[in-house]
Amino acid sequence: PSLRHRPPPLRPSKMRNPNLIEVTGEKEATVECDKFNKSVSVYKCNGEKGSPGKIVINGKCNSVMMDNCSLIELHVDSVMSTVEISNCQRVKLIIKPGASVLSVAIDKTDGCHITLSEETQANADFQVIAAKSSEMNLIFTENDEKVEKPIPEQFVFKVDRSGGAPKITSAVSDLYSS
């Protein structure tokens, strides 16, 4: 069949997920998650230099996706799955006191500061997965003081020929040895 006889693609309004809460193009917003199966999408939200924007998510939700945002502080309560940060510049993720997040995924982002709640930092399974990103920091408390540590961007890769088939190993560069 030719392309002329195909039905038109679905319009976004027909594809909307009823469990997705969308925040688009806002500088300030508060989202209420009333059910754990809800996900939140924060898209193209931008603050201004000297006046960052603030998006607050209240309540427990399934996941949070932040895409194409700059100069935004994202405050979250507990997130059951992952907080994804993609294509962003100079953003902050603040996990509220008493809240817990299992993982944060950062992709193609320049400047991301993550402030952990005590509950999140106490979770041994908490993880940050990062790709193609720079200027990333974790902020947490140690002995009642805030500590800020960089997330490594530079690694050393080697070919390990010991044993059977060769394997590639990686280690954090000495630049991050503090």
N, C-alpha and C. Protein backbone atom coordinates (compact mmCIF):
# COMPACT_ATOMS: atom_id res chain seq x y z
N PRO A 1 0.83 -1.19 0.00
CA PRO A 1 0.00 0.00 0.00
C PRO A 1 0.87 1.25 0.00
N SER A 2 0.35 2.29 -0.60
CA SER A 2 1.10 3.54 -0.64
C SER A 2 0.89 4.31 0.67
N LEU A 3 1.71 5.30 0.89
CA LEU A 3 1.63 6.08 2.12
C LEU A 3 0.33 6.89 2.20
N ARG A 4 -0.28 7.17 1.06
CA ARG A 4 -1.51 7.97 1.06
C ARG A 4 -2.68 7.24 1.70
N HIS A 5 -2.66 5.92 1.71
CA HIS A 5 -3.80 5.16 2.21
C HIS A 5 -3.68 4.78 3.67
N ARG A 6 -2.60 5.16 4.32
CA ARG A 6 -2.45 4.86 5.74
C ARG A 6 -3.28 5.83 6.56
N PRO A 7 -3.79 5.36 7.69
CA PRO A 7 -4.55 6.27 8.55
C PRO A 7 -3.60 7.30 9.17
N PRO A 8 -4.13 8.46 9.51
CA PRO A 8 -3.28 9.49 10.13
C PRO A 8 -2.77 9.00 11.49
N PRO A 9 -1.60 9.48 11.93
CA PRO A 9 -1.09 9.06 13.24
C PRO A 9 -1.99 9.56 14.36
N LEU A 10 -1.93 8.89 15.49
CA LEU A 10 -2.72 9.32 16.64
C LEU A 10 -2.26 10.69 17.10
N ARG A 11 -3.20 11.50 17.48
CA ARG A 11 -2.86 12.81 18.00
C ARG A 11 -2.47 12.65 19.47
N PRO A 12 -1.62 13.55 19.95
CA PRO A 12 -1.19 13.43 21.34
C PRO A 12 -2.35 13.34 22.33
N SER A 13 -3.45 14.03 22.09
CA SER A 13 -4.58 13.99 23.03
C SER A 13 -5.16 12.58 23.14
N LYS A 14 -5.08 11.80 22.07
CA LYS A 14 -5.61 10.44 22.12
C LYS A 14 -4.62 9.48 22.76
N MET A 15 -3.34 9.87 22.84
CA MET A 15 -2.33 8.99 23.40
C MET A 15 -2.04 9.30 24.87
N ARG A 16 -2.67 10.26 25.44
CA ARG A 16 -2.36 10.67 26.82
C ARG A 16 -2.59 9.53 27.80
N ASN A 17 -1.69 9.44 28.75
CA ASN A 17 -1.76 8.45 29.80
C ASN A 17 -2.48 9.08 30.99
N PRO A 18 -3.57 8.48 31.47
CA PRO A 18 -4.29 9.09 32.60
C PRO A 18 -3.47 9.09 33.89
N ASN A 19 -2.41 8.29 33.97
CA ASN A 19 -1.58 8.25 35.17
C ASN A 19 -0.37 9.17 35.07
N LEU A 20 -0.32 10.02 34.03
CA LEU A 20 0.80 10.94 33.83
C LEU A 20 0.34 12.37 34.12
N ILE A 21 1.05 13.03 35.02
CA ILE A 21 0.78 14.43 35.31
C ILE A 21 1.87 15.23 34.60
N GLU A 22 1.47 16.17 33.74
CA GLU A 22 2.43 16.93 32.94
C GLU A 22 2.55 18.36 33.43
N VAL A 23 3.79 18.83 33.55
CA VAL A 23 4.08 20.23 33.85
C VAL A 23 4.95 20.72 32.69
N THR A 24 4.44 21.64 31.88
CA THR A 24 5.17 22.09 30.70
C THR A 24 5.28 23.61 30.69
N GLY A 25 6.51 24.10 30.51
CA GLY A 25 6.73 25.53 30.32
C GLY A 25 6.48 26.40 31.54
N GLU A 26 6.52 25.85 32.72
CA GLU A 26 6.26 26.64 33.93
C GLU A 26 7.56 27.02 34.62
N LYS A 27 7.55 28.14 35.33
CA LYS A 27 8.69 28.51 36.17
C LYS A 27 8.42 28.09 37.60
N GLU A 28 7.20 28.16 38.04
CA GLU A 28 6.79 27.77 39.39
C GLU A 28 5.56 26.89 39.26
N ALA A 29 5.57 25.76 39.97
CA ALA A 29 4.40 24.88 39.94
C ALA A 29 4.44 23.93 41.14
N THR A 30 3.27 23.55 41.60
CA THR A 30 3.13 22.54 42.65
C THR A 30 2.22 21.45 42.12
N VAL A 31 2.68 20.20 42.25
CA VAL A 31 1.93 19.04 41.76
C VAL A 31 1.56 18.17 42.95
N GLU A 32 0.31 17.76 43.00
CA GLU A 32 -0.15 16.86 44.06
C GLU A 32 -0.32 15.46 43.48
N CYS A 33 0.44 14.51 44.00
CA CYS A 33 0.31 13.10 43.58
C CYS A 33 -0.53 12.40 44.63
N ASP A 34 -1.72 12.01 44.25
CA ASP A 34 -2.61 11.38 45.21
C ASP A 34 -2.54 9.85 45.19
N LYS A 35 -1.87 9.28 44.18
CA LYS A 35 -1.76 7.82 44.07
C LYS A 35 -0.35 7.45 43.68
N PHE A 36 0.13 6.32 44.19
CA PHE A 36 1.50 5.89 43.91
C PHE A 36 1.71 5.47 42.47
N ASN A 37 0.65 5.22 41.71
CA ASN A 37 0.82 4.81 40.32
C ASN A 37 0.93 6.00 39.35
N LYS A 38 0.91 7.21 39.87
CA LYS A 38 1.04 8.41 39.03
C LYS A 38 2.51 8.68 38.73
N SER A 39 2.79 9.17 37.53
CA SER A 39 4.11 9.62 37.14
C SER A 39 4.01 11.11 36.80
N VAL A 40 5.13 11.81 36.97
CA VAL A 40 5.14 13.25 36.71
C VAL A 40 6.18 13.55 35.64
N SER A 41 5.79 14.33 34.63
CA SER A 41 6.69 14.77 33.57
C SER A 41 6.85 16.28 33.68
N VAL A 42 8.11 16.74 33.83
CA VAL A 42 8.42 18.16 33.88
C VAL A 42 9.19 18.46 32.60
N TYR A 43 8.61 19.28 31.73
CA TYR A 43 9.18 19.49 30.39
C TYR A 43 9.30 20.98 30.06
N LYS A 44 10.47 21.37 29.58
CA LYS A 44 10.74 22.75 29.14
C LYS A 44 10.35 23.79 30.18
N CYS A 45 10.68 23.51 31.44
CA CYS A 45 10.46 24.48 32.50
C CYS A 45 11.78 25.20 32.74
N ASN A 46 11.75 26.52 32.76
CA ASN A 46 12.98 27.28 32.84
C ASN A 46 12.87 28.41 33.86
N GLY A 47 13.94 28.54 34.65
CA GLY A 47 14.07 29.68 35.53
C GLY A 47 14.89 30.74 34.84
N GLU A 48 15.30 31.74 35.60
CA GLU A 48 16.13 32.81 35.06
C GLU A 48 17.37 32.94 35.91
N LYS A 49 18.44 33.44 35.33
CA LYS A 49 19.67 33.64 36.08
C LYS A 49 19.38 34.55 37.26
N GLY A 50 19.75 34.12 38.46
CA GLY A 50 19.47 34.88 39.67
C GLY A 50 18.09 34.63 40.24
N SER A 51 17.24 33.93 39.50
CA SER A 51 15.88 33.62 39.95
C SER A 51 15.47 32.25 39.42
N PRO A 52 16.02 31.17 40.03
CA PRO A 52 15.68 29.83 39.53
C PRO A 52 14.21 29.51 39.74
N GLY A 53 13.70 28.67 38.88
CA GLY A 53 12.33 28.23 39.02
C GLY A 53 12.24 27.13 40.07
N LYS A 54 11.02 26.80 40.47
CA LYS A 54 10.83 25.79 41.52
C LYS A 54 9.58 24.97 41.19
N ILE A 55 9.79 23.66 41.04
CA ILE A 55 8.69 22.73 40.83
C ILE A 55 8.65 21.82 42.07
N VAL A 56 7.51 21.75 42.73
CA VAL A 56 7.36 20.96 43.95
C VAL A 56 6.37 19.83 43.67
N ILE A 57 6.79 18.60 43.97
CA ILE A 57 5.91 17.45 43.82
C ILE A 57 5.61 16.91 45.22
N ASN A 58 4.34 17.01 45.62
CA ASN A 58 3.91 16.55 46.93
C ASN A 58 3.25 15.18 46.81
N GLY A 59 3.57 14.27 47.71
CA GLY A 59 2.97 12.95 47.71
C GLY A 59 3.86 11.94 47.02
N LYS A 60 3.54 10.69 47.25
CA LYS A 60 4.32 9.58 46.70
C LYS A 60 3.89 9.32 45.26
N CYS A 61 4.88 9.20 44.37
CA CYS A 61 4.55 8.91 42.97
C CYS A 61 5.43 7.78 42.45
N ASN A 62 5.10 7.28 41.28
CA ASN A 62 5.83 6.16 40.70
C ASN A 62 7.17 6.60 40.13
N SER A 63 7.17 7.63 39.27
CA SER A 63 8.41 8.11 38.67
C SER A 63 8.28 9.58 38.33
N VAL A 64 9.46 10.22 38.14
CA VAL A 64 9.50 11.62 37.75
C VAL A 64 10.48 11.75 36.59
N MET A 65 10.06 12.45 35.53
CA MET A 65 10.92 12.70 34.37
C MET A 65 11.05 14.20 34.18
N MET A 66 12.29 14.68 34.16
CA MET A 66 12.55 16.09 33.95
C MET A 66 13.36 16.21 32.66
N ASP A 67 12.81 16.89 31.65
CA ASP A 67 13.45 16.94 30.34
C ASP A 67 13.50 18.36 29.81
N ASN A 68 14.68 18.73 29.29
CA ASN A 68 14.86 20.01 28.60
C ASN A 68 14.52 21.21 29.49
N CYS A 69 15.01 21.18 30.73
CA CYS A 69 14.77 22.26 31.69
C CYS A 69 16.09 22.94 32.03
N SER A 70 16.02 24.18 32.47
CA SER A 70 17.22 24.86 32.95
C SER A 70 16.87 25.75 34.12
N LEU A 71 17.84 25.89 35.03
CA LEU A 71 17.70 26.74 36.21
C LEU A 71 16.42 26.44 37.00
N ILE A 72 16.20 25.15 37.27
CA ILE A 72 15.00 24.71 38.00
C ILE A 72 15.43 23.90 39.22
N GLU A 73 14.74 24.15 40.34
CA GLU A 73 14.85 23.30 41.52
C GLU A 73 13.64 22.39 41.53
N LEU A 74 13.89 21.08 41.57
CA LEU A 74 12.81 20.10 41.60
C LEU A 74 12.79 19.47 42.98
N HIS A 75 11.72 19.69 43.75
CA HIS A 75 11.57 19.15 45.10
C HIS A 75 10.61 17.97 45.03
N VAL A 76 11.06 16.80 45.50
CA VAL A 76 10.21 15.61 45.41
C VAL A 76 10.02 14.95 46.77
N ASP A 77 8.84 14.35 46.93
CA ASP A 77 8.60 13.43 48.03
C ASP A 77 9.06 12.06 47.55
N SER A 78 8.60 11.02 48.17
CA SER A 78 9.06 9.67 47.82
C SER A 78 8.69 9.31 46.39
N VAL A 79 9.65 8.69 45.70
CA VAL A 79 9.47 8.22 44.32
C VAL A 79 9.79 6.74 44.32
N MET A 80 8.82 5.93 43.92
CA MET A 80 8.99 4.47 43.98
C MET A 80 10.01 3.95 42.99
N SER A 81 10.09 4.52 41.83
CA SER A 81 10.98 4.03 40.79
C SER A 81 12.17 4.97 40.64
N THR A 82 12.23 5.73 39.55
CA THR A 82 13.39 6.54 39.22
C THR A 82 13.03 7.99 38.97
N VAL A 83 13.95 8.88 39.32
CA VAL A 83 13.86 10.27 38.89
C VAL A 83 14.83 10.39 37.71
N GLU A 84 14.31 10.71 36.52
CA GLU A 84 15.13 10.84 35.32
C GLU A 84 15.32 12.32 34.99
N ILE A 85 16.58 12.70 34.75
CA ILE A 85 16.91 14.07 34.39
C ILE A 85 17.65 14.01 33.06
N SER A 86 17.04 14.57 32.00
CA SER A 86 17.61 14.49 30.65
C SER A 86 17.64 15.86 30.00
N ASN A 87 18.72 16.12 29.26
CA ASN A 87 18.83 17.33 28.43
C ASN A 87 18.61 18.62 29.23
N CYS A 88 19.14 18.67 30.44
CA CYS A 88 18.92 19.83 31.31
C CYS A 88 20.22 20.57 31.55
N GLN A 89 20.10 21.82 32.00
CA GLN A 89 21.24 22.64 32.36
C GLN A 89 20.98 23.29 33.71
N ARG A 90 21.97 23.19 34.58
CA ARG A 90 21.96 23.84 35.91
C ARG A 90 20.65 23.61 36.66
N VAL A 91 20.40 22.35 36.99
CA VAL A 91 19.19 21.99 37.73
C VAL A 91 19.57 21.41 39.09
N LYS A 92 18.61 21.44 40.00
CA LYS A 92 18.79 20.86 41.33
C LYS A 92 17.64 19.91 41.60
N LEU A 93 17.99 18.75 42.14
CA LEU A 93 16.99 17.79 42.60
C LEU A 93 17.11 17.76 44.12
N ILE A 94 16.04 18.08 44.81
CA ILE A 94 16.04 18.09 46.26
C ILE A 94 15.04 17.05 46.74
N ILE A 95 15.56 16.03 47.41
CA ILE A 95 14.69 14.99 47.98
C ILE A 95 14.31 15.47 49.37
N LYS A 96 13.02 15.70 49.58
CA LYS A 96 12.55 16.32 50.81
C LYS A 96 12.86 15.45 52.03
N PRO A 97 13.04 16.09 53.20
CA PRO A 97 13.25 15.32 54.43
C PRO A 97 12.10 14.34 54.65
N GLY A 98 12.43 13.13 55.04
CA GLY A 98 11.42 12.10 55.26
C GLY A 98 11.05 11.33 54.01
N ALA A 99 11.55 11.77 52.85
CA ALA A 99 11.22 11.13 51.58
C ALA A 99 12.34 10.18 51.16
N SER A 100 12.02 9.29 50.22
CA SER A 100 13.00 8.32 49.76
C SER A 100 12.90 8.15 48.25
N VAL A 101 14.07 8.04 47.61
CA VAL A 101 14.15 7.79 46.18
C VAL A 101 15.12 6.64 45.98
N LEU A 102 14.78 5.69 45.10
CA LEU A 102 15.65 4.54 44.88
C LEU A 102 16.78 4.83 43.91
N SER A 103 16.49 5.58 42.84
CA SER A 103 17.56 5.85 41.88
C SER A 103 17.29 7.15 41.13
N VAL A 104 18.41 7.72 40.66
CA VAL A 104 18.36 8.92 39.84
C VAL A 104 19.15 8.61 38.57
N ALA A 105 18.56 8.87 37.41
CA ALA A 105 19.23 8.68 36.12
C ALA A 105 19.45 10.05 35.49
N ILE A 106 20.70 10.35 35.16
CA ILE A 106 21.06 11.64 34.58
C ILE A 106 21.64 11.39 33.19
N ASP A 107 21.08 12.05 32.18
CA ASP A 107 21.55 11.85 30.80
C ASP A 107 21.62 13.20 30.08
N LYS A 108 22.75 13.45 29.42
CA LYS A 108 22.95 14.66 28.61
C LYS A 108 22.59 15.93 29.39
N THR A 109 23.12 16.03 30.60
CA THR A 109 22.80 17.16 31.48
C THR A 109 24.09 17.82 31.95
N ASP A 110 24.13 19.14 31.90
CA ASP A 110 25.28 19.91 32.37
C ASP A 110 24.88 20.70 33.61
N GLY A 111 25.36 20.26 34.75
CA GLY A 111 25.06 20.93 36.00
C GLY A 111 23.85 20.33 36.68
N CYS A 112 24.08 19.37 37.58
CA CYS A 112 22.98 18.74 38.31
C CYS A 112 23.43 18.50 39.75
N HIS A 113 22.76 19.15 40.69
CA HIS A 113 23.07 18.98 42.10
C HIS A 113 21.92 18.21 42.75
N ILE A 114 22.25 17.12 43.43
CA ILE A 114 21.24 16.26 44.04
C ILE A 114 21.42 16.33 45.55
N THR A 115 20.41 16.82 46.26
CA THR A 115 20.43 16.86 47.72
C THR A 115 19.61 15.68 48.23
N LEU A 116 20.30 14.80 48.98
CA LEU A 116 19.66 13.59 49.47
C LEU A 116 19.01 13.80 50.83
N SER A 117 17.86 13.18 51.04
CA SER A 117 17.27 13.14 52.37
C SER A 117 18.04 12.10 53.18
N GLU A 118 17.90 12.16 54.49
CA GLU A 118 18.59 11.17 55.33
C GLU A 118 18.09 9.76 55.03
N GLU A 119 16.81 9.62 54.71
CA GLU A 119 16.24 8.31 54.39
C GLU A 119 16.84 7.76 53.10
N THR A 120 17.04 8.62 52.12
CA THR A 120 17.63 8.17 50.85
C THR A 120 19.09 7.78 51.04
N GLN A 121 19.85 8.60 51.75
CA GLN A 121 21.26 8.28 51.91
C GLN A 121 21.47 7.07 52.80
N ALA A 122 20.50 6.72 53.64
CA ALA A 122 20.62 5.52 54.48
C ALA A 122 20.30 4.25 53.70
N ASN A 123 19.68 4.39 52.54
CA ASN A 123 19.31 3.23 51.72
C ASN A 123 20.53 2.73 50.95
N ALA A 124 20.99 1.54 51.25
CA ALA A 124 22.18 0.97 50.59
C ALA A 124 21.93 0.69 49.11
N ASP A 125 20.67 0.61 48.69
CA ASP A 125 20.35 0.33 47.29
C ASP A 125 20.24 1.60 46.43
N PHE A 126 20.32 2.78 47.03
CA PHE A 126 20.22 4.02 46.27
C PHE A 126 21.37 4.09 45.26
N GLN A 127 21.06 4.55 44.04
CA GLN A 127 22.09 4.66 43.01
C GLN A 127 21.83 5.84 42.08
N VAL A 128 22.93 6.35 41.52
CA VAL A 128 22.87 7.38 40.48
C VAL A 128 23.49 6.78 39.24
N ILE A 129 22.76 6.85 38.13
CA ILE A 129 23.25 6.36 36.84
C ILE A 129 23.42 7.59 35.96
N ALA A 130 24.62 7.79 35.43
CA ALA A 130 24.88 9.00 34.65
C ALA A 130 25.54 8.66 33.33
N ALA A 131 25.13 9.37 32.27
CA ALA A 131 25.73 9.21 30.94
C ALA A 131 25.76 10.56 30.25
N LYS A 132 26.87 10.85 29.58
CA LYS A 132 27.02 12.07 28.78
C LYS A 132 26.65 13.33 29.56
N SER A 133 27.05 13.39 30.82
CA SER A 133 26.69 14.52 31.68
C SER A 133 27.92 15.06 32.38
N SER A 134 27.83 16.31 32.85
CA SER A 134 28.95 16.94 33.53
C SER A 134 28.45 17.78 34.70
N GLU A 135 29.39 18.20 35.56
CA GLU A 135 29.11 19.07 36.70
C GLU A 135 28.00 18.51 37.59
N MET A 136 28.15 17.25 37.99
CA MET A 136 27.15 16.59 38.84
C MET A 136 27.70 16.47 40.26
N ASN A 137 26.86 16.75 41.25
CA ASN A 137 27.26 16.67 42.65
C ASN A 137 26.17 16.03 43.49
N LEU A 138 26.60 15.28 44.51
CA LEU A 138 25.69 14.75 45.53
C LEU A 138 25.91 15.55 46.80
N ILE A 139 24.83 15.95 47.43
CA ILE A 139 24.89 16.71 48.67
C ILE A 139 24.16 15.89 49.73
N PHE A 140 24.85 15.59 50.83
CA PHE A 140 24.27 14.76 51.89
C PHE A 140 24.84 15.22 53.22
N THR A 141 24.29 14.70 54.31
CA THR A 141 24.77 15.08 55.63
C THR A 141 25.67 13.99 56.20
N GLU A 142 26.71 14.46 56.89
CA GLU A 142 27.62 13.56 57.58
C GLU A 142 28.00 14.24 58.89
N ASN A 143 27.70 13.59 60.01
CA ASN A 143 27.94 14.18 61.33
C ASN A 143 27.28 15.56 61.45
N ASP A 144 26.05 15.66 61.03
CA ASP A 144 25.24 16.88 61.09
C ASP A 144 25.79 18.04 60.25
N GLU A 145 26.67 17.76 59.31
CA GLU A 145 27.18 18.78 58.40
C GLU A 145 26.87 18.40 56.97
N LYS A 146 26.56 19.41 56.15
CA LYS A 146 26.34 19.15 54.72
C LYS A 146 27.67 18.91 54.03
N VAL A 147 27.70 17.86 53.22
CA VAL A 147 28.90 17.49 52.46
C VAL A 147 28.51 17.45 50.99
N GLU A 148 29.33 18.05 50.13
CA GLU A 148 29.08 18.02 48.70
C GLU A 148 30.23 17.29 48.02
N LYS A 149 29.90 16.24 47.27
CA LYS A 149 30.91 15.43 46.57
C LYS A 149 30.57 15.38 45.09
N PRO A 150 31.59 15.51 44.24
CA PRO A 150 31.33 15.40 42.79
C PRO A 150 31.08 13.96 42.37
N ILE A 151 30.22 13.79 41.39
CA ILE A 151 30.04 12.49 40.76
C ILE A 151 31.07 12.42 39.64
N PRO A 152 31.94 11.40 39.65
CA PRO A 152 33.02 11.35 38.66
C PRO A 152 32.52 11.38 37.21
N GLU A 153 33.27 12.13 36.40
CA GLU A 153 32.99 12.21 34.97
C GLU A 153 34.09 11.54 34.16
N GLN A 154 35.23 11.29 34.80
CA GLN A 154 36.36 10.75 34.06
C GLN A 154 36.76 9.40 34.64
N PHE A 155 36.95 8.43 33.74
CA PHE A 155 37.28 7.07 34.14
C PHE A 155 38.50 6.59 33.36
N VAL A 156 39.17 5.59 33.92
CA VAL A 156 40.31 4.96 33.26
C VAL A 156 39.87 3.55 32.88
N PHE A 157 40.00 3.21 31.61
CA PHE A 157 39.62 1.89 31.11
C PHE A 157 40.86 1.10 30.73
N LYS A 158 40.85 -0.19 31.06
CA LYS A 158 41.97 -1.06 30.72
C LYS A 158 41.43 -2.39 30.20
N VAL A 159 42.26 -3.06 29.40
CA VAL A 159 41.92 -4.40 28.93
C VAL A 159 42.56 -5.39 29.91
N ASP A 160 41.74 -6.24 30.50
CA ASP A 160 42.21 -7.25 31.44
C ASP A 160 42.31 -8.57 30.70
N ARG A 161 43.50 -9.04 30.51
CA ARG A 161 43.73 -10.29 29.77
C ARG A 161 43.96 -11.48 30.69
N SER A 162 43.81 -11.29 31.99
CA SER A 162 43.98 -12.43 32.90
C SER A 162 42.75 -13.33 32.81
N GLY A 163 42.96 -14.61 32.92
CA GLY A 163 41.84 -15.55 32.84
C GLY A 163 41.51 -15.88 31.40
N GLY A 164 40.25 -16.10 31.12
CA GLY A 164 39.79 -16.52 29.79
C GLY A 164 39.78 -15.39 28.79
N ALA A 165 38.62 -15.01 28.36
CA ALA A 165 38.47 -13.96 27.35
C ALA A 165 38.82 -12.60 27.94
N PRO A 166 39.40 -11.71 27.13
CA PRO A 166 39.73 -10.37 27.63
C PRO A 166 38.47 -9.61 28.05
N LYS A 167 38.61 -8.81 29.12
CA LYS A 167 37.51 -8.00 29.64
C LYS A 167 37.99 -6.55 29.74
N ILE A 168 37.08 -5.64 29.67
CA ILE A 168 37.41 -4.24 29.88
C ILE A 168 37.05 -3.89 31.32
N THR A 169 38.00 -3.31 32.05
CA THR A 169 37.75 -2.87 33.42
C THR A 169 37.78 -1.35 33.47
N SER A 170 37.14 -0.81 34.46
CA SER A 170 37.14 0.66 34.61
C SER A 170 37.35 1.02 36.07
N ALA A 171 37.94 2.17 36.27
CA ALA A 171 38.14 2.74 37.59
C ALA A 171 38.00 4.25 37.49
N VAL A 172 37.61 4.86 38.58
CA VAL A 172 37.48 6.31 38.61
C VAL A 172 38.87 6.92 38.51
N SER A 173 38.99 7.97 37.73
CA SER A 173 40.25 8.67 37.54
C SER A 173 40.78 9.20 38.88
N ASP A 174 42.09 9.34 38.99
CA ASP A 174 42.71 9.86 40.21
C ASP A 174 42.28 11.30 40.51
N LEU A 175 41.70 11.99 39.55
CA LEU A 175 41.21 13.35 39.80
C LEU A 175 40.18 13.39 40.91
N TYR A 176 39.49 12.27 41.16
CA TYR A 176 38.42 12.20 42.13
C TYR A 176 38.82 11.45 43.38
N SER A 177 40.09 11.42 43.72
CA SER A 177 40.58 10.60 44.83
C SER A 177 40.40 11.25 46.20
N SER A 178 39.78 12.42 46.29
CA SER A 178 39.62 13.06 47.60
C SER A 178 38.53 12.43 48.42
